[in-house]
Amino acid sequence: MTPHARRRSASFYERALEAGDRATFEEARDLDGLDDEVALLRLQVRRLLEDDAHDPRVLQAGLRLLIQALVARHRLSGHQVDSLGEAAANLLEEFGALFATGGEAGRG
């Protein structure tokens, strides 16, 4: 067996990583499923919601990514995807209204 056959060449992404990140990259390659990514996206969305000075575009992008990850993870039907998208849009509208009125919207 030739030395080249025993050792696989670095991937496109590995070549761009620093030596210290290559081991972490290898660990990440071995993961299967999207549970960790969904949990991380949920955490980031929550942090954005808790931050009064958040950029609504960043929140919208985070929610879009979360929905896409959930769709991929659960392989939702088209109707379920539409419902989830509508729920996220409604949530964004409610938060937009809340911030536009200085936090008084929806309070009785």
Protein backbone atom coordinates (compact mmCIF):
# COMPACT_ATOMS: atom_id res chain seq x y z
CA MET A 1 0.00 0.00 0.00
CA THR A 2 1.37 3.40 -0.94
CA PRO A 3 1.63 6.19 1.65
CA HIS A 4 -0.96 8.17 -0.28
CA ALA A 5 -3.47 5.31 -0.18
CA ARG A 6 -3.15 4.99 3.62
CA ARG A 7 -3.68 8.66 4.28
CA ARG A 8 -6.67 10.47 2.92
CA SER A 9 -6.07 13.91 1.51
CA ALA A 10 -7.39 16.96 3.33
CA SER A 11 -10.86 18.04 2.29
CA PHE A 12 -11.67 21.42 0.79
CA TYR A 13 -12.67 22.77 4.22
CA GLU A 14 -9.85 21.12 6.18
CA ARG A 15 -7.29 22.97 4.07
CA ALA A 16 -8.82 26.29 5.19
CA LEU A 17 -8.73 25.40 8.91
CA GLU A 18 -5.97 26.07 11.36
CA ALA A 19 -4.29 22.99 12.81
CA GLY A 20 -6.11 23.37 16.14
CA ASP A 21 -9.51 23.39 14.43
CA ARG A 22 -8.93 20.26 12.35
CA ALA A 23 -9.51 17.89 15.28
CA THR A 24 -12.76 19.66 16.16
CA PHE A 25 -13.74 19.50 12.49
CA GLU A 26 -13.13 15.75 12.47
CA GLU A 27 -15.32 15.41 15.58
CA ALA A 28 -18.07 17.45 13.91
CA ARG A 29 -17.89 15.25 10.79
CA ASP A 30 -18.72 12.21 12.89
CA LEU A 31 -22.00 13.69 14.16
CA ASP A 32 -25.22 12.46 12.65
CA GLY A 33 -28.54 14.25 12.80
CA LEU A 34 -29.53 17.83 13.49
CA ASP A 35 -30.46 17.79 17.18
CA ASP A 36 -27.43 19.81 18.30
CA GLU A 37 -27.89 22.34 15.52
CA VAL A 38 -31.59 22.78 16.33
CA ALA A 39 -30.76 23.26 20.02
CA LEU A 40 -28.05 25.81 19.20
CA LEU A 41 -30.36 27.73 16.86
CA ARG A 42 -33.08 27.77 19.52
CA LEU A 43 -30.59 29.15 22.03
CA GLN A 44 -29.47 31.87 19.63
CA VAL A 45 -33.05 32.86 18.80
CA ARG A 46 -33.85 33.06 22.50
CA ARG A 47 -30.83 35.28 23.11
CA LEU A 48 -31.93 37.58 20.31
CA LEU A 49 -35.43 37.80 21.75
CA GLU A 50 -34.04 38.67 25.18
CA ASP A 51 -31.79 41.40 23.71
CA ASP A 52 -33.74 44.67 23.49
CA ALA A 53 -31.32 46.01 20.87
CA HIS A 54 -31.45 43.02 18.51
CA ASP A 55 -31.59 43.49 14.77
CA PRO A 56 -34.96 42.17 13.53
CA ARG A 57 -33.28 40.96 10.32
CA VAL A 58 -30.91 38.79 12.33
CA LEU A 59 -33.84 37.37 14.31
CA GLN A 60 -35.72 36.68 11.08
CA ALA A 61 -32.68 34.92 9.61
CA GLY A 62 -32.26 32.86 12.79
CA LEU A 63 -35.90 31.81 12.73
CA ARG A 64 -35.62 30.94 9.03
CA LEU A 65 -32.60 28.73 9.74
CA LEU A 66 -34.38 27.10 12.68
CA ILE A 67 -37.41 26.33 10.52
CA GLN A 68 -35.22 24.90 7.77
CA ALA A 69 -33.38 22.70 10.27
CA LEU A 70 -36.67 21.49 11.73
CA VAL A 71 -38.04 20.77 8.26
CA ALA A 72 -34.93 18.77 7.43
CA ARG A 73 -34.95 16.99 10.77
CA HIS A 74 -38.58 16.01 10.71
CA ARG A 75 -39.19 15.97 6.97
CA LEU A 76 -42.39 17.91 7.46
CA SER A 77 -45.14 17.85 4.87
CA GLY A 78 -45.73 20.95 2.75
CA HIS A 79 -48.75 21.93 4.86
CA GLN A 80 -46.77 21.57 8.09
CA VAL A 81 -43.95 23.68 6.65
CA ASP A 82 -46.44 26.40 5.66
CA SER A 83 -48.03 26.32 9.13
CA LEU A 84 -44.65 26.57 10.82
CA GLY A 85 -43.64 29.44 8.56
CA GLU A 86 -46.89 31.27 9.26
CA ALA A 87 -46.44 30.79 13.01
CA ALA A 88 -42.92 32.23 12.81
CA ALA A 89 -44.16 35.18 10.74
CA ASN A 90 -46.92 35.86 13.29
CA LEU A 91 -44.36 35.71 16.08
CA LEU A 92 -42.18 38.25 14.31
CA GLU A 93 -45.16 40.55 13.75
CA GLU A 94 -46.13 40.33 17.42
CA PHE A 95 -42.59 41.15 18.55
CA GLY A 96 -42.43 43.98 16.02
CA ALA A 97 -45.66 45.43 17.41
CA LEU A 98 -44.39 45.00 20.96
CA PHE A 99 -41.16 46.87 20.24
CA ALA A 100 -42.91 49.56 18.18
CA THR A 101 -45.14 50.46 21.14
CA GLY A 102 -42.33 50.40 23.68
CA GLY A 103 -43.32 47.03 25.10
CA GLU A 104 -46.97 47.93 25.84
CA ALA A 105 -48.65 45.88 23.06
CA GLY A 106 -50.66 42.96 24.29
CA ARG A 107 -50.64 44.12 27.91
CA GLY A 108 -54.01 44.59 29.54
